[in-house]
Amino acid sequence: MNRERAKELLPIIQAYADGAVMQERDPDDPDEEWHDFTSHFQPAGYIYRIKPEPREFWVCHGTDDNYVLQSRCVTTDCFKVREVLE
């Protein structure tokens, strides 16, 4: 492992140590989906990431029949969206 790979993996290892859910995939298979980390850590063999958390936001009716994403509901013409991650 070189220094650049160590820098790349440092936040992943820290998040794993802190209890975050990790995901991995095979770098040789670009069509493979991310899956939750269940095996032993192999820094040279897989690509790792911290499992993303679904986002929640409000979609509000704006001017000119456009919709605007908001962090909170600002009018009565809004609906809440929760992202689905697979």
PDB file of N, CA and C in Angstrom:
ATOM      1  N   MET A   1       0.854  -1.170   0.000  1.00  0.00           N
ATOM      2  CA  MET A   1       0.000   0.000   0.000  1.00  0.00           C
ATOM      3  C   MET A   1       0.900   1.233   0.000  1.00  0.00           C
ATOM      4  N   ASN A   2       0.611   2.180  -0.891  1.00  0.00           N
ATOM      5  CA  ASN A   2       1.381   3.417  -0.914  1.00  0.00           C
ATOM      6  C   ASN A   2       0.680   4.500  -0.087  1.00  0.00           C
ATOM      7  N   ARG A   3       1.327   5.637   0.059  1.00  0.00           N
ATOM      8  CA  ARG A   3       0.779   6.722   0.888  1.00  0.00           C
ATOM      9  C   ARG A   3      -0.550   7.251   0.360  1.00  0.00           C
ATOM     10  N   GLU A   4      -0.685   7.345  -0.955  1.00  0.00           N
ATOM     11  CA  GLU A   4      -1.931   7.856  -1.533  1.00  0.00           C
ATOM     12  C   GLU A   4      -3.100   6.933  -1.215  1.00  0.00           C
ATOM     13  N   ARG A   5      -2.886   5.628  -1.308  1.00  0.00           N
ATOM     14  CA  ARG A   5      -3.943   4.662  -0.969  1.00  0.00           C
ATOM     15  C   ARG A   5      -4.263   4.737   0.520  1.00  0.00           C
ATOM     16  N   ALA A   6      -3.255   4.929   1.358  1.00  0.00           N
ATOM     17  CA  ALA A   6      -3.481   5.072   2.796  1.00  0.00           C
ATOM     18  C   ALA A   6      -4.318   6.309   3.091  1.00  0.00           C
ATOM     19  N   LYS A   7      -4.024   7.442   2.409  1.00  0.00           N
ATOM     20  CA  LYS A   7      -4.815   8.667   2.593  1.00  0.00           C
ATOM     21  C   LYS A   7      -6.255   8.459   2.153  1.00  0.00           C
ATOM     22  N   GLU A   8      -6.431   7.699   1.076  1.00  0.00           N
ATOM     23  CA  GLU A   8      -7.764   7.409   0.554  1.00  0.00           C
ATOM     24  C   GLU A   8      -8.572   6.559   1.533  1.00  0.00           C
ATOM     25  N   LEU A   9      -7.906   5.595   2.173  1.00  0.00           N
ATOM     26  CA  LEU A   9      -8.589   4.673   3.071  1.00  0.00           C
ATOM     27  C   LEU A   9      -8.753   5.191   4.496  1.00  0.00           C
ATOM     28  N   LEU A  10      -7.999   6.200   4.884  1.00  0.00           N
ATOM     29  CA  LEU A  10      -8.035   6.681   6.261  1.00  0.00           C
ATOM     30  C   LEU A  10      -9.445   7.049   6.741  1.00  0.00           C
ATOM     31  N   PRO A  11     -10.232   7.858   6.004  1.00  0.00           N
ATOM     32  CA  PRO A  11     -11.584   8.159   6.494  1.00  0.00           C
ATOM     33  C   PRO A  11     -12.493   6.929   6.516  1.00  0.00           C
ATOM     34  N   ILE A  12     -12.259   5.988   5.625  1.00  0.00           N
ATOM     35  CA  ILE A  12     -13.040   4.753   5.609  1.00  0.00           C
ATOM     36  C   ILE A  12     -12.747   3.928   6.856  1.00  0.00           C
ATOM     37  N   ILE A  13     -11.481   3.763   7.173  1.00  0.00           N
ATOM     38  CA  ILE A  13     -11.090   2.994   8.355  1.00  0.00           C
ATOM     39  C   ILE A  13     -11.586   3.669   9.631  1.00  0.00           C
ATOM     40  N   GLN A  14     -11.500   5.002   9.698  1.00  0.00           N
ATOM     41  CA  GLN A  14     -11.980   5.729  10.880  1.00  0.00           C
ATOM     42  C   GLN A  14     -13.490   5.558  11.044  1.00  0.00           C
ATOM     43  N   ALA A  15     -14.237   5.681   9.959  1.00  0.00           N
ATOM     44  CA  ALA A  15     -15.689   5.512  10.025  1.00  0.00           C
ATOM     45  C   ALA A  15     -16.051   4.087  10.442  1.00  0.00           C
ATOM     46  N   TYR A  16     -15.323   3.111   9.920  1.00  0.00           N
ATOM     47  CA  TYR A  16     -15.549   1.712  10.297  1.00  0.00           C
ATOM     48  C   TYR A  16     -15.287   1.511  11.790  1.00  0.00           C
ATOM     49  N   ALA A  17     -14.189   2.089  12.285  1.00  0.00           N
ATOM     50  CA  ALA A  17     -13.863   1.993  13.713  1.00  0.00           C
ATOM     51  C   ALA A  17     -14.924   2.672  14.579  1.00  0.00           C
ATOM     52  N   ASP A  18     -15.543   3.735  14.036  1.00  0.00           N
ATOM     53  CA  ASP A  18     -16.581   4.466  14.767  1.00  0.00           C
ATOM     54  C   ASP A  18     -17.954   3.814  14.676  1.00  0.00           C
ATOM     55  N   GLY A  19     -18.069   2.726  13.915  1.00  0.00           N
ATOM     56  CA  GLY A  19     -19.324   1.982  13.860  1.00  0.00           C
ATOM     57  C   GLY A  19     -20.209   2.274  12.659  1.00  0.00           C
ATOM     58  N   ALA A  20     -19.728   3.028  11.690  1.00  0.00           N
ATOM     59  CA  ALA A  20     -20.533   3.324  10.508  1.00  0.00           C
ATOM     60  C   ALA A  20     -20.704   2.055   9.664  1.00  0.00           C
ATOM     61  N   VAL A  21     -21.794   2.001   8.921  1.00  0.00           N
ATOM     62  CA  VAL A  21     -22.009   0.886   8.001  1.00  0.00           C
ATOM     63  C   VAL A  21     -21.179   1.151   6.754  1.00  0.00           C
ATOM     64  N   MET A  22     -20.384   0.158   6.386  1.00  0.00           N
ATOM     65  CA  MET A  22     -19.496   0.295   5.237  1.00  0.00           C
ATOM     66  C   MET A  22     -20.019  -0.533   4.079  1.00  0.00           C
ATOM     67  N   GLN A  23     -19.640  -0.130   2.867  1.00  0.00           N
ATOM     68  CA  GLN A  23     -19.988  -0.898   1.681  1.00  0.00           C
ATOM     69  C   GLN A  23     -18.737  -1.146   0.857  1.00  0.00           C
ATOM     70  N   GLU A  24     -18.791  -2.211   0.050  1.00  0.00           N
ATOM     71  CA  GLU A  24     -17.651  -2.573  -0.781  1.00  0.00           C
ATOM     72  C   GLU A  24     -18.142  -3.067  -2.128  1.00  0.00           C
ATOM     73  N   ARG A  25     -17.248  -3.022  -3.102  1.00  0.00           N
ATOM     74  CA  ARG A  25     -17.514  -3.646  -4.397  1.00  0.00           C
ATOM     75  C   ARG A  25     -16.181  -3.971  -5.061  1.00  0.00           C
ATOM     76  N   ASP A  26     -16.247  -4.874  -6.005  1.00  0.00           N
ATOM     77  CA  ASP A  26     -15.063  -5.336  -6.723  1.00  0.00           C
ATOM     78  C   ASP A  26     -14.698  -4.312  -7.800  1.00  0.00           C
ATOM     79  N   PRO A  27     -13.475  -3.784  -7.793  1.00  0.00           N
ATOM     80  CA  PRO A  27     -13.101  -2.775  -8.797  1.00  0.00           C
ATOM     81  C   PRO A  27     -12.999  -3.349 -10.210  1.00  0.00           C
ATOM     82  N   ASP A  28     -12.893  -4.662 -10.335  1.00  0.00           N
ATOM     83  CA  ASP A  28     -12.794  -5.290 -11.651  1.00  0.00           C
ATOM     84  C   ASP A  28     -14.154  -5.544 -12.297  1.00  0.00           C
ATOM     85  N   ASP A  29     -15.230  -5.295 -11.547  1.00  0.00           N
ATOM     86  CA  ASP A  29     -16.580  -5.508 -12.071  1.00  0.00           C
ATOM     87  C   ASP A  29     -17.379  -4.213 -11.938  1.00  0.00           C
ATOM     88  N   PRO A  30     -17.336  -3.336 -12.964  1.00  0.00           N
ATOM     89  CA  PRO A  30     -18.006  -2.036 -12.858  1.00  0.00           C
ATOM     90  C   PRO A  30     -19.529  -2.139 -12.751  1.00  0.00           C
ATOM     91  N   ASP A  31     -20.116  -3.283 -13.104  1.00  0.00           N
ATOM     92  CA  ASP A  31     -21.566  -3.447 -13.009  1.00  0.00           C
ATOM     93  C   ASP A  31     -22.018  -3.965 -11.646  1.00  0.00           C
ATOM     94  N   GLU A  32     -21.069  -4.343 -10.807  1.00  0.00           N
ATOM     95  CA  GLU A  32     -21.428  -4.867  -9.490  1.00  0.00           C
ATOM     96  C   GLU A  32     -22.012  -3.746  -8.626  1.00  0.00           C
ATOM     97  N   GLU A  33     -23.066  -4.078  -7.894  1.00  0.00           N
ATOM     98  CA  GLU A  33     -23.699  -3.130  -6.975  1.00  0.00           C
ATOM     99  C   GLU A  33     -22.864  -3.043  -5.692  1.00  0.00           C
ATOM    100  N   TRP A  34     -22.990  -1.924  -4.994  1.00  0.00           N
ATOM    101  CA  TRP A  34     -22.390  -1.815  -3.673  1.00  0.00           C
ATOM    102  C   TRP A  34     -23.143  -2.736  -2.732  1.00  0.00           C
ATOM    103  N   HIS A  35     -22.439  -3.414  -1.828  1.00  0.00           N
ATOM    104  CA  HIS A  35     -23.087  -4.235  -0.815  1.00  0.00           C
ATOM    105  C   HIS A  35     -22.443  -3.966   0.538  1.00  0.00           C
ATOM    106  N   ASP A  36     -23.252  -4.173   1.581  1.00  0.00           N
ATOM    107  CA  ASP A  36     -22.761  -3.911   2.929  1.00  0.00           C
ATOM    108  C   ASP A  36     -21.551  -4.772   3.228  1.00  0.00           C
ATOM    109  N   PHE A  37     -20.613  -4.196   3.917  1.00  0.00           N
ATOM    110  CA  PHE A  37     -19.352  -4.823   4.269  1.00  0.00           C
ATOM    111  C   PHE A  37     -19.603  -5.944   5.267  1.00  0.00           C
ATOM    112  N   THR A  38     -19.299  -7.171   4.862  1.00  0.00           N
ATOM    113  CA  THR A  38     -19.546  -8.313   5.740  1.00  0.00           C
ATOM    114  C   THR A  38     -18.313  -9.174   5.944  1.00  0.00           C
ATOM    115  N   SER A  39     -17.304  -8.992   5.132  1.00  0.00           N
ATOM    116  CA  SER A  39     -16.123  -9.841   5.234  1.00  0.00           C
ATOM    117  C   SER A  39     -14.978  -9.081   5.899  1.00  0.00           C
ATOM    118  N   HIS A  40     -13.802  -9.672   5.891  1.00  0.00           N
ATOM    119  CA  HIS A  40     -12.648  -8.986   6.470  1.00  0.00           C
ATOM    120  C   HIS A  40     -12.159  -7.899   5.504  1.00  0.00           C
ATOM    121  N   PHE A  41     -11.526  -6.917   6.060  1.00  0.00           N
ATOM    122  CA  PHE A  41     -11.071  -5.740   5.309  1.00  0.00           C
ATOM    123  C   PHE A  41      -9.888  -6.102   4.433  1.00  0.00           C
ATOM    124  N   GLN A  42     -10.012  -5.866   3.132  1.00  0.00           N
ATOM    125  CA  GLN A  42      -8.946  -6.156   2.177  1.00  0.00           C
ATOM    126  C   GLN A  42      -8.626  -4.878   1.406  1.00  0.00           C
ATOM    127  N   PRO A  43      -7.785  -4.012   1.921  1.00  0.00           N
ATOM    128  CA  PRO A  43      -7.554  -2.722   1.289  1.00  0.00           C
ATOM    129  C   PRO A  43      -7.098  -2.798  -0.160  1.00  0.00           C
ATOM    130  N   ALA A  44      -6.425  -3.874  -0.537  1.00  0.00           N
ATOM    131  CA  ALA A  44      -5.917  -3.969  -1.908  1.00  0.00           C
ATOM    132  C   ALA A  44      -6.939  -4.578  -2.863  1.00  0.00           C
ATOM    133  N   GLY A  45      -7.978  -5.233  -2.344  1.00  0.00           N
ATOM    134  CA  GLY A  45      -8.847  -6.001  -3.211  1.00  0.00           C
ATOM    135  C   GLY A  45     -10.167  -5.377  -3.596  1.00  0.00           C
ATOM    136  N   TYR A  46     -10.676  -4.441  -2.822  1.00  0.00           N
ATOM    137  CA  TYR A  46     -12.005  -3.894  -3.063  1.00  0.00           C
ATOM    138  C   TYR A  46     -11.989  -2.377  -3.004  1.00  0.00           C
ATOM    139  N   ILE A  47     -13.068  -1.797  -3.491  1.00  0.00           N
ATOM    140  CA  ILE A  47     -13.317  -0.359  -3.330  1.00  0.00           C
ATOM    141  C   ILE A  47     -14.303  -0.239  -2.182  1.00  0.00           C
ATOM    142  N   TYR A  48     -14.035   0.680  -1.253  1.00  0.00           N
ATOM    143  CA  TYR A  48     -14.877   0.840  -0.080  1.00  0.00           C
ATOM    144  C   TYR A  48     -15.490   2.237  -0.044  1.00  0.00           C
ATOM    145  N   ARG A  49     -16.628   2.345   0.649  1.00  0.00           N
ATOM    146  CA  ARG A  49     -17.236   3.638   0.915  1.00  0.00           C
ATOM    147  C   ARG A  49     -18.076   3.539   2.178  1.00  0.00           C
ATOM    148  N   ILE A  50     -18.376   4.685   2.747  1.00  0.00           N
ATOM    149  CA  ILE A  50     -19.306   4.763   3.866  1.00  0.00           C
ATOM    150  C   ILE A  50     -20.706   4.716   3.264  1.00  0.00           C
ATOM    151  N   LYS A  51     -21.561   3.845   3.779  1.00  0.00           N
ATOM    152  CA  LYS A  51     -22.903   3.706   3.220  1.00  0.00           C
ATOM    153  C   LYS A  51     -23.642   5.039   3.310  1.00  0.00           C
ATOM    154  N   PRO A  52     -24.126   5.542   2.192  1.00  0.00           N
ATOM    155  CA  PRO A  52     -24.830   6.825   2.229  1.00  0.00           C
ATOM    156  C   PRO A  52     -26.155   6.719   2.968  1.00  0.00           C
ATOM    157  N   GLU A  53     -26.499   7.776   3.648  1.00  0.00           N
ATOM    158  CA  GLU A  53     -27.778   7.870   4.350  1.00  0.00           C
ATOM    159  C   GLU A  53     -28.803   8.500   3.411  1.00  0.00           C
ATOM    160  N   PRO A  54     -30.049   8.010   3.460  1.00  0.00           N
ATOM    161  CA  PRO A  54     -31.074   8.648   2.634  1.00  0.00           C
ATOM    162  C   PRO A  54     -31.261  10.111   3.036  1.00  0.00           C
ATOM    163  N   ARG A  55     -31.485  10.949   2.039  1.00  0.00           N
ATOM    164  CA  ARG A  55     -31.727  12.369   2.306  1.00  0.00           C
ATOM    165  C   ARG A  55     -33.228  12.627   2.375  1.00  0.00           C
ATOM    166  N   GLU A  56     -33.603  13.608   3.170  1.00  0.00           N
ATOM    167  CA  GLU A  56     -34.982  14.070   3.219  1.00  0.00           C
ATOM    168  C   GLU A  56     -34.988  15.540   2.879  1.00  0.00           C
ATOM    169  N   PHE A  57     -35.949  15.947   2.063  1.00  0.00           N
ATOM    170  CA  PHE A  57     -36.060  17.361   1.695  1.00  0.00           C
ATOM    171  C   PHE A  57     -37.496  17.645   1.270  1.00  0.00           C
ATOM    172  N   TRP A  58     -37.806  18.904   1.182  1.00  0.00           N
ATOM    173  CA  TRP A  58     -39.131  19.355   0.767  1.00  0.00           C
ATOM    174  C   TRP A  58     -39.064  19.849  -0.667  1.00  0.00           C
ATOM    175  N   VAL A  59     -40.085  19.524  -1.436  1.00  0.00           N
ATOM    176  CA  VAL A  59     -40.240  20.063  -2.785  1.00  0.00           C
ATOM    177  C   VAL A  59     -41.432  21.007  -2.721  1.00  0.00           C
ATOM    178  N   CYS A  60     -41.175  22.279  -3.024  1.00  0.00           N
ATOM    179  CA  CYS A  60     -42.203  23.313  -2.904  1.00  0.00           C
ATOM    180  C   CYS A  60     -42.484  23.934  -4.256  1.00  0.00           C
ATOM    181  N   HIS A  61     -43.735  24.278  -4.448  1.00  0.00           N
ATOM    182  CA  HIS A  61     -44.136  24.933  -5.689  1.00  0.00           C
ATOM    183  C   HIS A  61     -43.589  26.354  -5.677  1.00  0.00           C
ATOM    184  N   GLY A  62     -42.816  26.674  -6.705  1.00  0.00           N
ATOM    185  CA  GLY A  62     -42.227  28.012  -6.789  1.00  0.00           C
ATOM    186  C   GLY A  62     -42.929  28.865  -7.823  1.00  0.00           C
ATOM    187  N   THR A  63     -42.258  29.869  -8.265  1.00  0.00           N
ATOM    188  CA  THR A  63     -42.812  30.756  -9.280  1.00  0.00           C
ATOM    189  C   THR A  63     -42.716  30.122 -10.659  1.00  0.00           C
ATOM    190  N   ASP A  64     -43.526  30.579 -11.573  1.00  0.00           N
ATOM    191  CA  ASP A  64     -43.505  30.110 -12.968  1.00  0.00           C
ATOM    192  C   ASP A  64     -43.676  28.596 -13.077  1.00  0.00           C
ATOM    193  N   ASP A  65     -44.488  28.011 -12.187  1.00  0.00           N
ATOM    194  CA  ASP A  65     -44.760  26.573 -12.182  1.00  0.00           C
ATOM    195  C   ASP A  65     -43.501  25.711 -12.065  1.00  0.00           C
ATOM    196  N   ASN A  66     -42.463  26.238 -11.461  1.00  0.00           N
ATOM    197  CA  ASN A  66     -41.255  25.475 -11.174  1.00  0.00           C
ATOM    198  C   ASN A  66     -41.344  24.938  -9.759  1.00  0.00           C
ATOM    199  N   TYR A  67     -40.619  23.858  -9.503  1.00  0.00           N
ATOM    200  CA  TYR A  67     -40.543  23.314  -8.155  1.00  0.00           C
ATOM    201  C   TYR A  67     -39.150  23.568  -7.609  1.00  0.00           C
ATOM    202  N   VAL A  68     -39.085  23.852  -6.318  1.00  0.00           N
ATOM    203  CA  VAL A  68     -37.836  24.226  -5.669  1.00  0.00           C
ATOM    204  C   VAL A  68     -37.592  23.266  -4.508  1.00  0.00           C
ATOM    205  N   LEU A  69     -36.355  22.799  -4.374  1.00  0.00           N
ATOM    206  CA  LEU A  69     -35.988  21.950  -3.244  1.00  0.00           C
ATOM    207  C   LEU A  69     -35.670  22.825  -2.046  1.00  0.00           C
ATOM    208  N   GLN A  70     -36.215  22.479  -0.899  1.00  0.00           N
ATOM    209  CA  GLN A  70     -36.022  23.263   0.320  1.00  0.00           C
ATOM    210  C   GLN A  70     -35.633  22.330   1.466  1.00  0.00           C
ATOM    211  N   SER A  71     -34.951  22.865   2.448  1.00  0.00           N
ATOM    212  CA  SER A  71     -34.619  22.071   3.629  1.00  0.00           C
ATOM    213  C   SER A  71     -35.787  22.023   4.617  1.00  0.00           C
ATOM    214  N   ARG A  72     -36.757  22.905   4.439  1.00  0.00           N
ATOM    215  CA  ARG A  72     -37.965  22.914   5.274  1.00  0.00           C
ATOM    216  C   ARG A  72     -39.122  23.435   4.439  1.00  0.00           C
ATOM    217  N   CYS A  73     -40.334  23.177   4.896  1.00  0.00           N
ATOM    218  CA  CYS A  73     -41.521  23.617   4.175  1.00  0.00           C
ATOM    219  C   CYS A  73     -41.707  25.114   4.403  1.00  0.00           C
ATOM    220  N   VAL A  74     -41.799  25.871   3.334  1.00  0.00           N
ATOM    221  CA  VAL A  74     -41.933  27.321   3.450  1.00  0.00           C
ATOM    222  C   VAL A  74     -43.286  27.822   2.951  1.00  0.00           C
ATOM    223  N   THR A  75     -44.066  26.959   2.303  1.00  0.00           N
ATOM    224  CA  THR A  75     -45.412  27.325   1.853  1.00  0.00           C
ATOM    225  C   THR A  75     -46.328  26.144   2.137  1.00  0.00           C
ATOM    226  N   THR A  76     -47.597  26.313   1.848  1.00  0.00           N
ATOM    227  CA  THR A  76     -48.535  25.209   2.046  1.00  0.00           C
ATOM    228  C   THR A  76     -48.537  24.257   0.852  1.00  0.00           C
ATOM    229  N   ASP A  77     -47.845  24.623  -0.217  1.00  0.00           N
ATOM    230  CA  ASP A  77     -47.812  23.812  -1.440  1.00  0.00           C
ATOM    231  C   ASP A  77     -46.484  23.052  -1.527  1.00  0.00           C
ATOM    232  N   CYS A  78     -46.226  22.170  -0.541  1.00  0.00           N
ATOM    233  CA  CYS A  78     -44.972  21.418  -0.468  1.00  0.00           C
ATOM    234  C   CYS A  78     -45.272  19.944  -0.199  1.00  0.00           C
ATOM    235  N   PHE A  79     -44.332  19.111  -0.546  1.00  0.00           N
ATOM    236  CA  PHE A  79     -44.394  17.721  -0.129  1.00  0.00           C
ATOM    237  C   PHE A  79     -42.997  17.248   0.233  1.00  0.00           C
ATOM    238  N   LYS A  80     -42.937  16.338   1.201  1.00  0.00           N
ATOM    239  CA  LYS A  80     -41.672  15.840   1.705  1.00  0.00           C
ATOM    240  C   LYS A  80     -41.225  14.627   0.904  1.00  0.00           C
ATOM    241  N   VAL A  81     -39.924  14.573   0.575  1.00  0.00           N
ATOM    242  CA  VAL A  81     -39.358  13.484  -0.201  1.00  0.00           C
ATOM    243  C   VAL A  81     -38.282  12.804   0.634  1.00  0.00           C
ATOM    244  N   ARG A  82     -38.296  11.486   0.642  1.00  0.00           N
ATOM    245  CA  ARG A  82     -37.238  10.725   1.281  1.00  0.00           C
ATOM    246  C   ARG A  82     -36.597   9.855   0.219  1.00  0.00           C
ATOM    247  N   GLU A  83     -35.314  10.024   0.034  1.00  0.00           N
ATOM    248  CA  GLU A  83     -34.557   9.294  -0.966  1.00  0.00           C
ATOM    249  C   GLU A  83     -34.489   7.814  -0.617  1.00  0.00           C
ATOM    250  N   VAL A  84     -34.605   6.966  -1.613  1.00  0.00           N
ATOM    251  CA  VAL A  84     -34.480   5.526  -1.434  1.00  0.00           C
ATOM    252  C   VAL A  84     -33.157   5.097  -2.038  1.00  0.00           C
ATOM    253  N   LEU A  85     -32.318   4.457  -1.225  1.00  0.00           N
ATOM    254  CA  LEU A  85     -31.014   3.967  -1.685  1.00  0.00           C
ATOM    255  C   LEU A  85     -31.057   2.462  -1.758  1.00  0.00           C
ATOM    256  N   GLU A  86     -30.650   1.917  -2.869  1.00  0.00           N
ATOM    257  CA  GLU A  86     -30.613   0.456  -3.014  1.00  0.00           C
ATOM    258  C   GLU A  86     -29.211  -0.002  -3.220  1.00  0.00           C
TER     259      GLU A  86
END
